[in-house]
PDB file of all heavy atoms in Angstrom:
ATOM      1  N   ILE A   1      99.954  51.868 -19.116  1.00  0.00           N
ATOM      2  CA  ILE A   1      98.949  50.919 -18.604  1.00  0.00           C
ATOM      3  C   ILE A   1      99.695  49.613 -18.173  1.00  0.00           C
ATOM      4  O   ILE A   1      99.421  49.051 -17.091  1.00  0.00           O
ATOM      5  CB  ILE A   1      97.895  50.593 -19.642  1.00  0.00           C
ATOM      6  CG1 ILE A   1      97.049  51.819 -19.928  1.00  0.00           C
ATOM      7  CG2 ILE A   1      96.954  49.398 -19.129  1.00  0.00           C
ATOM      8  CD1 ILE A   1      96.343  52.482 -18.746  1.00  0.00           C
ATOM      9  N   TYR A   2     100.603  49.163 -19.026  1.00  0.00           N
ATOM     10  CA  TYR A   2     101.352  47.952 -18.665  1.00  0.00           C
ATOM     11  C   TYR A   2     102.271  48.136 -17.501  1.00  0.00           C
ATOM     12  O   TYR A   2     102.444  47.237 -16.666  1.00  0.00           O
ATOM     13  CB  TYR A   2     102.089  47.483 -19.921  1.00  0.00           C
ATOM     14  CG  TYR A   2     101.201  47.060 -21.090  1.00  0.00           C
ATOM     15  CD1 TYR A   2     101.243  47.748 -22.300  1.00  0.00           C
ATOM     16  CD2 TYR A   2     100.235  46.035 -20.973  1.00  0.00           C
ATOM     17  CE1 TYR A   2     100.440  47.476 -23.335  1.00  0.00           C
ATOM     18  CE2 TYR A   2      99.422  45.756 -21.990  1.00  0.00           C
ATOM     19  CZ  TYR A   2      99.501  46.425 -23.180  1.00  0.00           C
ATOM     20  OH  TYR A   2      98.625  46.169 -24.235  1.00  0.00           O
ATOM     21  N   ALA A   3     102.779  49.349 -17.373  1.00  0.00           N
ATOM     22  CA  ALA A   3     103.648  49.662 -16.189  1.00  0.00           C
ATOM     23  C   ALA A   3     102.809  49.647 -14.914  1.00  0.00           C
ATOM     24  O   ALA A   3     103.240  49.165 -13.872  1.00  0.00           O
ATOM     25  CB  ALA A   3     104.287  51.035 -16.413  1.00  0.00           C
ATOM     26  N   MET A   4     101.597  50.198 -14.978  1.00  0.00           N
ATOM     27  CA  MET A   4     100.757  50.217 -13.798  1.00  0.00           C
ATOM     28  C   MET A   4     100.320  48.740 -13.483  1.00  0.00           C
ATOM     29  O   MET A   4     100.180  48.360 -12.280  1.00  0.00           O
ATOM     30  CB  MET A   4      99.495  51.070 -14.034  1.00  0.00           C
ATOM     31  CG  MET A   4      98.516  51.136 -12.795  1.00  0.00           C
ATOM     32  SD  MET A   4      99.247  51.757 -11.288  1.00  0.00           S
ATOM     33  CE  MET A   4      98.966  53.518 -11.488  1.00  0.00           C
ATOM     34  N   ALA A   5     100.039  47.959 -14.486  1.00  0.00           N
ATOM     35  CA  ALA A   5      99.676  46.549 -14.263  1.00  0.00           C
ATOM     36  C   ALA A   5     100.842  45.827 -13.576  1.00  0.00           C
ATOM     37  O   ALA A   5     100.592  45.044 -12.695  1.00  0.00           O
ATOM     38  CB  ALA A   5      99.287  45.900 -15.618  1.00  0.00           C
ATOM     39  N   ALA A   6     102.069  46.090 -14.040  1.00  0.00           N
ATOM     40  CA  ALA A   6     103.276  45.487 -13.398  1.00  0.00           C
ATOM     41  C   ALA A   6     103.324  45.903 -11.959  1.00  0.00           C
ATOM     42  O   ALA A   6     103.697  45.071 -11.053  1.00  0.00           O
ATOM     43  CB  ALA A   6     104.500  45.853 -14.157  1.00  0.00           C
ATOM     44  N   LEU A   7     103.139  47.134 -11.648  1.00  0.00           N
ATOM     45  CA  LEU A   7     103.217  47.625 -10.256  1.00  0.00           C
ATOM     46  C   LEU A   7     102.121  46.982  -9.374  1.00  0.00           C
ATOM     47  O   LEU A   7     102.463  46.510  -8.293  1.00  0.00           O
ATOM     48  CB  LEU A   7     103.030  49.154 -10.250  1.00  0.00           C
ATOM     49  CG  LEU A   7     102.946  49.817  -8.882  1.00  0.00           C
ATOM     50  CD1 LEU A   7     104.135  49.493  -8.004  1.00  0.00           C
ATOM     51  CD2 LEU A   7     102.783  51.315  -9.035  1.00  0.00           C
ATOM     52  N   LEU A   8     100.957  46.888  -9.840  1.00  0.00           N
ATOM     53  CA  LEU A   8      99.907  46.311  -9.084  1.00  0.00           C
ATOM     54  C   LEU A   8     100.138  44.798  -8.854  1.00  0.00           C
ATOM     55  O   LEU A   8      99.885  44.266  -7.752  1.00  0.00           O
ATOM     56  CB  LEU A   8      98.486  46.507  -9.796  1.00  0.00           C
ATOM     57  CG  LEU A   8      98.003  47.949  -9.861  1.00  0.00           C
ATOM     58  CD1 LEU A   8      96.748  48.039 -10.679  1.00  0.00           C
ATOM     59  CD2 LEU A   8      97.762  48.533  -8.473  1.00  0.00           C
ATOM     60  N   SER A   9     100.642  44.163  -9.874  1.00  0.00           N
ATOM     61  CA  SER A   9     101.037  42.695  -9.693  1.00  0.00           C
ATOM     62  C   SER A   9     102.141  42.533  -8.654  1.00  0.00           C
ATOM     63  O   SER A   9     102.091  41.664  -7.886  1.00  0.00           O
ATOM     64  CB  SER A   9     101.572  42.166 -11.055  1.00  0.00           C
ATOM     65  OG  SER A   9     100.529  42.059 -12.002  1.00  0.00           O
ATOM     66  N   GLU A  10     103.053  43.495  -8.642  1.00  0.00           N
ATOM     67  CA  GLU A  10     104.152  43.462  -7.636  1.00  0.00           C
ATOM     68  C   GLU A  10     103.554  43.604  -6.211  1.00  0.00           C
ATOM     69  O   GLU A  10     104.026  43.005  -5.326  1.00  0.00           O
ATOM     70  CB  GLU A  10     105.074  44.642  -7.917  1.00  0.00           C
ATOM     71  CG  GLU A  10     106.247  44.765  -6.939  1.00  0.00           C
ATOM     72  CD  GLU A  10     107.420  43.879  -7.364  1.00  0.00           C
ATOM     73  OE1 GLU A  10     107.444  43.294  -8.405  1.00  0.00           O
ATOM     74  OE2 GLU A  10     108.363  43.792  -6.449  1.00  0.00           O
ATOM     75  N   LEU A  11     102.439  44.302  -6.109  1.00  0.00           N
ATOM     76  CA  LEU A  11     101.864  44.590  -4.778  1.00  0.00           C
ATOM     77  C   LEU A  11     100.941  43.349  -4.373  1.00  0.00           C
ATOM     78  O   LEU A  11     100.548  43.297  -3.240  1.00  0.00           O
ATOM     79  CB  LEU A  11     101.008  45.827  -4.792  1.00  0.00           C
ATOM     80  CG  LEU A  11     101.839  47.148  -5.027  1.00  0.00           C
ATOM     81  CD1 LEU A  11     100.859  48.315  -5.174  1.00  0.00           C
ATOM     82  CD2 LEU A  11     102.837  47.386  -3.864  1.00  0.00           C
ATOM     83  N   GLY A  12     100.642  42.483  -5.335  1.00  0.00           N
ATOM     84  CA  GLY A  12      99.861  41.270  -5.035  1.00  0.00           C
ATOM     85  C   GLY A  12      98.460  41.282  -5.697  1.00  0.00           C
ATOM     86  O   GLY A  12      97.657  40.387  -5.455  1.00  0.00           O
ATOM     87  N   VAL A  13      98.177  42.289  -6.467  1.00  0.00           N
ATOM     88  CA  VAL A  13      96.865  42.332  -7.145  1.00  0.00           C
ATOM     89  C   VAL A  13      96.904  41.260  -8.326  1.00  0.00           C
ATOM     90  O   VAL A  13      97.910  41.183  -9.035  1.00  0.00           O
ATOM     91  CB  VAL A  13      96.586  43.707  -7.770  1.00  0.00           C
ATOM     92  CG1 VAL A  13      95.249  43.715  -8.540  1.00  0.00           C
ATOM     93  CG2 VAL A  13      96.458  44.766  -6.673  1.00  0.00           C
ATOM     94  N   ASP A  14      95.860  40.467  -8.425  1.00  0.00           N
ATOM     95  CA  ASP A  14      95.734  39.533  -9.555  1.00  0.00           C
ATOM     96  C   ASP A  14      95.219  40.387 -10.736  1.00  0.00           C
ATOM     97  O   ASP A  14      94.069  40.777 -10.766  1.00  0.00           O
ATOM     98  CB  ASP A  14      94.768  38.421  -9.180  1.00  0.00           C
ATOM     99  CG  ASP A  14      94.615  37.436 -10.266  1.00  0.00           C
ATOM    100  OD1 ASP A  14      95.481  37.341 -11.175  1.00  0.00           O
ATOM    101  OD2 ASP A  14      93.582  36.698 -10.319  1.00  0.00           O
ATOM    102  N   VAL A  15      96.111  40.530 -11.707  1.00  0.00           N
ATOM    103  CA  VAL A  15      95.791  41.318 -12.915  1.00  0.00           C
ATOM    104  C   VAL A  15      95.515  40.426 -14.085  1.00  0.00           C
ATOM    105  O   VAL A  15      96.345  39.642 -14.512  1.00  0.00           O
ATOM    106  CB  VAL A  15      96.953  42.318 -13.232  1.00  0.00           C
ATOM    107  CG1 VAL A  15      96.667  43.151 -14.461  1.00  0.00           C
ATOM    108  CG2 VAL A  15      97.250  43.211 -12.041  1.00  0.00           C
ATOM    109  N   GLN A  16      94.248  40.427 -14.567  1.00  0.00           N
ATOM    110  CA  GLN A  16      93.909  39.642 -15.750  1.00  0.00           C
ATOM    111  C   GLN A  16      93.526  40.583 -16.911  1.00  0.00           C
ATOM    112  O   GLN A  16      92.444  41.059 -17.028  1.00  0.00           O
ATOM    113  CB  GLN A  16      92.659  38.759 -15.440  1.00  0.00           C
ATOM    114  CG  GLN A  16      92.925  37.787 -14.261  1.00  0.00           C
ATOM    115  CD  GLN A  16      93.869  36.651 -14.658  1.00  0.00           C
ATOM    116  OE1 GLN A  16      93.981  36.280 -15.840  1.00  0.00           O
ATOM    117  NE2 GLN A  16      94.599  36.145 -13.669  1.00  0.00           N
ATOM    118  N   MET A  17      94.532  40.774 -17.844  1.00  0.00           N
ATOM    119  CA  MET A  17      94.383  41.614 -18.982  1.00  0.00           C
ATOM    120  C   MET A  17      93.841  40.886 -20.178  1.00  0.00           C
ATOM    121  O   MET A  17      94.397  39.772 -20.432  1.00  0.00           O
ATOM    122  CB  MET A  17      95.622  42.420 -19.283  1.00  0.00           C
ATOM    123  CG  MET A  17      96.079  43.352 -18.190  1.00  0.00           C
ATOM    124  SD  MET A  17      97.415  44.469 -18.657  1.00  0.00           S
ATOM    125  CE  MET A  17      96.576  45.652 -19.668  1.00  0.00           C
ATOM    126  N   ASP A  18      92.910  41.426 -20.922  1.00  0.00           N
ATOM    127  CA  ASP A  18      92.438  40.843 -22.106  1.00  0.00           C
ATOM    128  C   ASP A  18      92.535  41.912 -23.202  1.00  0.00           C
ATOM    129  O   ASP A  18      91.712  42.756 -23.354  1.00  0.00           O
ATOM    130  CB  ASP A  18      90.952  40.387 -21.938  1.00  0.00           C
ATOM    131  CG  ASP A  18      90.363  39.693 -23.157  1.00  0.00           C
ATOM    132  OD1 ASP A  18      90.933  39.855 -24.248  1.00  0.00           O
ATOM    133  OD2 ASP A  18      89.393  38.878 -23.013  1.00  0.00           O
ATOM    134  N   ALA A  19      93.671  41.812 -23.948  1.00  0.00           N
ATOM    135  CA  ALA A  19      93.979  42.838 -24.953  1.00  0.00           C
ATOM    136  C   ALA A  19      92.905  42.871 -25.973  1.00  0.00           C
ATOM    137  O   ALA A  19      92.547  43.942 -26.501  1.00  0.00           O
ATOM    138  CB  ALA A  19      95.325  42.558 -25.487  1.00  0.00           C
ATOM    139  N   GLU A  20      92.377  41.742 -26.412  1.00  0.00           N
ATOM    140  CA  GLU A  20      91.424  41.671 -27.473  1.00  0.00           C
ATOM    141  C   GLU A  20      90.092  42.336 -27.044  1.00  0.00           C
ATOM    142  O   GLU A  20      89.468  43.064 -27.831  1.00  0.00           O
ATOM    143  CB  GLU A  20      91.145  40.226 -27.928  1.00  0.00           C
ATOM    144  CG  GLU A  20      90.388  40.099 -29.190  1.00  0.00           C
ATOM    145  CD  GLU A  20      90.287  38.655 -29.746  1.00  0.00           C
ATOM    146  OE1 GLU A  20      91.254  37.908 -29.500  1.00  0.00           O
ATOM    147  OE2 GLU A  20      89.302  38.299 -30.311  1.00  0.00           O
ATOM    148  N   ALA A  21      89.704  42.052 -25.842  1.00  0.00           N
ATOM    149  CA  ALA A  21      88.414  42.676 -25.318  1.00  0.00           C
ATOM    150  C   ALA A  21      88.634  44.083 -24.804  1.00  0.00           C
ATOM    151  O   ALA A  21      87.676  44.762 -24.410  1.00  0.00           O
ATOM    152  CB  ALA A  21      87.837  41.763 -24.227  1.00  0.00           C
ATOM    153  N   ARG A  22      89.897  44.521 -24.763  1.00  0.00           N
ATOM    154  CA  ARG A  22      90.263  45.804 -24.191  1.00  0.00           C
ATOM    155  C   ARG A  22      89.705  45.976 -22.825  1.00  0.00           C
ATOM    156  O   ARG A  22      89.060  46.993 -22.448  1.00  0.00           O
ATOM    157  CB  ARG A  22      89.785  46.937 -25.113  1.00  0.00           C
ATOM    158  CG  ARG A  22      90.236  46.739 -26.532  1.00  0.00           C
ATOM    159  CD  ARG A  22      89.803  47.896 -27.434  1.00  0.00           C
ATOM    160  NE  ARG A  22      90.566  49.072 -27.107  1.00  0.00           N
ATOM    161  CZ  ARG A  22      91.860  49.324 -27.512  1.00  0.00           C
ATOM    162  NH1 ARG A  22      92.531  48.455 -28.222  1.00  0.00           N
ATOM    163  NH2 ARG A  22      92.458  50.457 -27.172  1.00  0.00           N
ATOM    164  N   SER A  23      89.996  45.027 -21.972  1.00  0.00           N
ATOM    165  CA  SER A  23      89.534  45.083 -20.586  1.00  0.00           C
ATOM    166  C   SER A  23      90.599  44.466 -19.636  1.00  0.00           C
ATOM    167  O   SER A  23      91.520  43.845 -20.023  1.00  0.00           O
ATOM    168  CB  SER A  23      88.214  44.294 -20.387  1.00  0.00           C
ATOM    169  OG  SER A  23      88.428  42.903 -20.562  1.00  0.00           O
ATOM    170  N   VAL A  24      90.369  44.785 -18.374  1.00  0.00           N
ATOM    171  CA  VAL A  24      91.281  44.223 -17.305  1.00  0.00           C
ATOM    172  C   VAL A  24      90.427  43.966 -16.063  1.00  0.00           C
ATOM    173  O   VAL A  24      89.632  44.711 -15.676  1.00  0.00           O
ATOM    174  CB  VAL A  24      92.466  45.210 -16.938  1.00  0.00           C
ATOM    175  CG1 VAL A  24      92.038  46.506 -16.451  1.00  0.00           C
ATOM    176  CG2 VAL A  24      93.433  44.536 -16.070  1.00  0.00           C
ATOM    177  N   GLY A  25      90.717  42.739 -15.543  1.00  0.00           N
ATOM    178  CA  GLY A  25      90.093  42.386 -14.240  1.00  0.00           C
ATOM    179  C   GLY A  25      91.170  42.512 -13.129  1.00  0.00           C
ATOM    180  O   GLY A  25      92.263  41.987 -13.323  1.00  0.00           O
ATOM    181  N   LEU A  26      90.862  43.224 -12.106  1.00  0.00           N
ATOM    182  CA  LEU A  26      91.826  43.480 -10.961  1.00  0.00           C
ATOM    183  C   LEU A  26      91.250  42.988  -9.685  1.00  0.00           C
ATOM    184  O   LEU A  26      90.201  43.419  -9.224  1.00  0.00           O
ATOM    185  CB  LEU A  26      92.098  44.963 -10.949  1.00  0.00           C
ATOM    186  CG  LEU A  26      92.664  45.658 -12.179  1.00  0.00           C
ATOM    187  CD1 LEU A  26      92.364  47.084 -12.202  1.00  0.00           C
ATOM    188  CD2 LEU A  26      94.109  45.343 -12.326  1.00  0.00           C
ATOM    189  N   ASP A  27      91.921  41.936  -9.078  1.00  0.00           N
ATOM    190  CA  ASP A  27      91.442  41.376  -7.823  1.00  0.00           C
ATOM    191  C   ASP A  27      92.404  41.646  -6.733  1.00  0.00           C
ATOM    192  O   ASP A  27      93.553  41.112  -6.769  1.00  0.00           O
ATOM    193  CB  ASP A  27      91.317  39.813  -8.069  1.00  0.00           C
ATOM    194  CG  ASP A  27      90.565  39.183  -6.908  1.00  0.00           C
ATOM    195  OD1 ASP A  27      90.640  39.714  -5.783  1.00  0.00           O
ATOM    196  OD2 ASP A  27      89.987  38.132  -7.089  1.00  0.00           O
TER     197      ASP A  27
END
């Protein structure tokens, strides 16, 4: 999951992960 988040960030997606809430916002 963290690897995919890193890839999406590299592409320009704004990735807002909330580990405590177990959620992610992807813009």
